[in-house]
Protein backbone atom coordinates (compact mmCIF):
# COMPACT_ATOMS: atom_id res chain seq x y z
CA MET A 1 20.45 35.77 -29.46
CA ASP A 2 18.18 35.57 -32.45
CA ARG A 3 17.40 38.74 -34.32
CA ALA A 4 13.68 39.37 -34.75
CA ALA A 5 12.31 39.42 -38.29
CA LEU A 6 9.42 41.61 -37.14
CA GLY A 7 9.52 43.59 -33.91
CA GLU A 8 12.63 43.29 -31.76
CA THR A 9 14.54 41.02 -29.42
CA ARG A 10 15.34 42.99 -26.22
CA ILE A 11 17.86 42.39 -23.46
CA ARG A 12 17.34 45.08 -20.85
CA ARG A 13 19.78 46.80 -18.50
CA GLY A 14 21.44 44.67 -15.85
CA ALA A 15 20.42 41.31 -17.28
CA LYS A 16 23.05 38.63 -16.64
CA ILE A 17 23.22 35.90 -19.28
CA ASP A 18 25.61 32.97 -18.91
CA ASN A 19 27.21 31.07 -21.79
CA LEU A 20 25.34 28.56 -23.97
CA VAL A 21 22.03 30.38 -23.47
CA MET A 22 19.57 30.63 -26.37
CA VAL A 23 17.31 33.68 -26.54
CA ALA A 24 15.06 33.34 -29.57
CA HIS A 25 13.49 35.98 -31.79
CA ASN A 26 11.18 38.60 -30.29
CA CYS A 27 12.02 37.70 -26.67
CA ASP A 28 12.05 40.44 -24.05
CA VAL A 29 14.46 39.84 -21.15
CA GLY A 30 13.77 42.31 -18.34
CA GLU A 31 16.05 44.33 -16.09
CA GLY A 32 18.11 42.36 -13.60
CA VAL A 33 17.12 38.97 -14.99
CA VAL A 34 19.62 36.14 -14.46
CA ILE A 35 19.77 33.30 -16.99
CA VAL A 36 22.20 30.48 -16.16
CA GLY A 37 24.04 28.31 -18.73
CA GLN A 38 22.35 26.04 -21.25
CA ALA A 39 18.95 27.65 -20.75
CA GLY A 40 16.68 28.38 -23.70
CA LEU A 41 13.81 30.73 -24.42
CA ALA A 42 11.68 30.04 -27.47
CA GLY A 43 10.31 32.88 -29.58
CA SER A 44 8.34 35.78 -28.11
CA THR A 45 8.90 34.76 -24.48
CA VAL A 46 8.79 37.66 -22.01
CA VAL A 47 10.91 37.44 -18.86
CA GLU A 48 9.98 40.17 -16.40
CA ARG A 49 12.29 42.11 -14.08
CA GLY A 50 14.39 40.19 -11.55
CA ALA A 51 13.44 36.65 -12.63
CA MET A 52 16.01 33.87 -12.19
CA LEU A 53 16.21 31.09 -14.76
CA MET A 54 18.51 28.26 -13.73
CA ALA A 55 20.68 25.95 -15.85
CA GLN A 56 19.19 23.80 -18.60
CA MET A 57 15.69 25.19 -18.26
CA GLY A 58 13.61 25.61 -21.38
CA ALA A 59 10.57 27.73 -22.13
CA ALA A 60 8.09 27.10 -24.91
CA GLY A 61 7.31 30.13 -27.04
CA HIS A 62 4.95 33.00 -26.26
CA LEU A 63 5.17 32.57 -22.48
CA ARG A 64 5.40 35.19 -19.74
CA ILE A 65 7.70 34.58 -16.78
CA GLY A 66 6.62 36.97 -14.04
CA GLU A 67 8.62 39.47 -12.04
CA ARG A 68 10.99 37.87 -9.50
CA ALA A 69 9.92 34.36 -10.52
CA PHE A 70 12.36 31.47 -10.00
CA VAL A 71 12.62 28.64 -12.52
CA GLY A 72 14.63 25.67 -11.23
CA ALA A 73 17.34 23.81 -13.11
CA ARG A 74 16.16 21.52 -15.91
CA ALA A 75 12.58 22.82 -15.74
CA GLY A 76 10.42 22.66 -18.85
CA LEU A 77 7.93 25.52 -19.02
CA HIS A 78 4.75 24.94 -20.96
CA LYS A 79 2.63 27.75 -19.50
CA ASP A 80 3.12 31.17 -17.93
CA VAL A 81 4.86 31.52 -14.56
CA ALA A 82 3.24 33.97 -12.13
CA ALA A 83 5.20 36.80 -10.55
CA GLY A 84 7.13 35.56 -7.51
CA ALA A 85 6.36 31.90 -8.24
CA ARG A 86 8.98 29.16 -7.81
CA VAL A 87 8.68 26.28 -10.27
CA TRP A 88 10.68 23.13 -10.99
CA GLY A 89 10.43 20.08 -13.23
CA ALA A 90 9.04 19.19 -16.61
CA PRO A 91 6.20 19.78 -16.84
CA GLN A 92 6.57 22.66 -14.43
CA LEU A 93 5.30 22.16 -10.90
CA PRO A 94 5.20 24.48 -7.89
CA GLU A 95 8.40 24.06 -5.86
CA ARG A 96 6.86 22.25 -2.89
CA THR A 97 4.89 19.85 -5.09
CA PHE A 98 8.00 19.05 -7.14
CA HIS A 99 10.13 18.30 -4.08
CA ARG A 100 7.42 16.11 -2.54
CA ALA A 101 7.06 14.18 -5.82
CA MET A 102 10.81 13.61 -6.06
CA ALA A 103 10.93 12.39 -2.44
CA ALA A 104 8.00 10.02 -3.11
CA LEU A 105 9.68 8.71 -6.24
CA THR A 106 12.43 7.09 -4.17
CA ARG A 107 9.77 5.11 -2.27
CA VAL A 108 7.99 3.70 -5.33
CA PRO A 109 9.98 0.44 -5.69
CA GLU A 110 9.30 -0.59 -2.07
CA ALA A 111 5.62 0.38 -2.41
CA LEU A 112 5.33 -1.82 -5.52
CA ARG A 113 6.94 -4.79 -3.71
CA ARG A 114 4.44 -4.38 -0.86
CA LEU A 115 1.51 -4.03 -3.27
CA ARG A 116 2.50 -7.19 -5.14
CA ALA A 117 2.77 -9.11 -1.86
CA VAL A 118 -0.73 -7.99 -0.82
CA GLU A 119 -2.14 -8.88 -4.25
CA LYS A 120 -0.53 -12.31 -4.04
CA ARG A 121 -1.98 -12.94 -0.56
CA LEU A 122 -5.44 -11.93 -1.73
CA GLY A 123 -5.18 -14.03 -4.90
CA LEU A 124 -5.56 -10.98 -7.15
CA ARG A 125 -2.35 -11.51 -9.08
CA GLY A 126 -2.20 -14.41 -11.54
CA SER A 127 1.05 -16.15 -12.46
CA GLU A 128 0.49 -15.34 -16.18
CA GLU A 129 0.94 -11.60 -15.62
CA GLY A 130 4.33 -10.16 -16.59
CA ARG A 131 6.43 -8.30 -14.06
């Protein structure tokens, strides 16, 4: 926990903070917040009541994480998180969007093979292009 030079760094009643967590200067961690190991909050971040911040997440400074929000493991926050929202990834994405993107990512190599085959059949891909 960093001590604030001006103002105060606050950890409110019932907050649960795991080991290896960094709470920077002027942060306000609300009641009942859970912050799991290796997470980090940059300066002046406000975490409202009941939010859950999972392992290895990081928040840029001066953000607000809303009441009962959920931030998934290894998320990188670059903007505020609305109350009750569930976000994952870096940059942060809504939960459903993140999971769909990760599922699609596993299909990219096969899609590229098929695209290259179609380009070759149509004569759109020259032999001088690198692969």
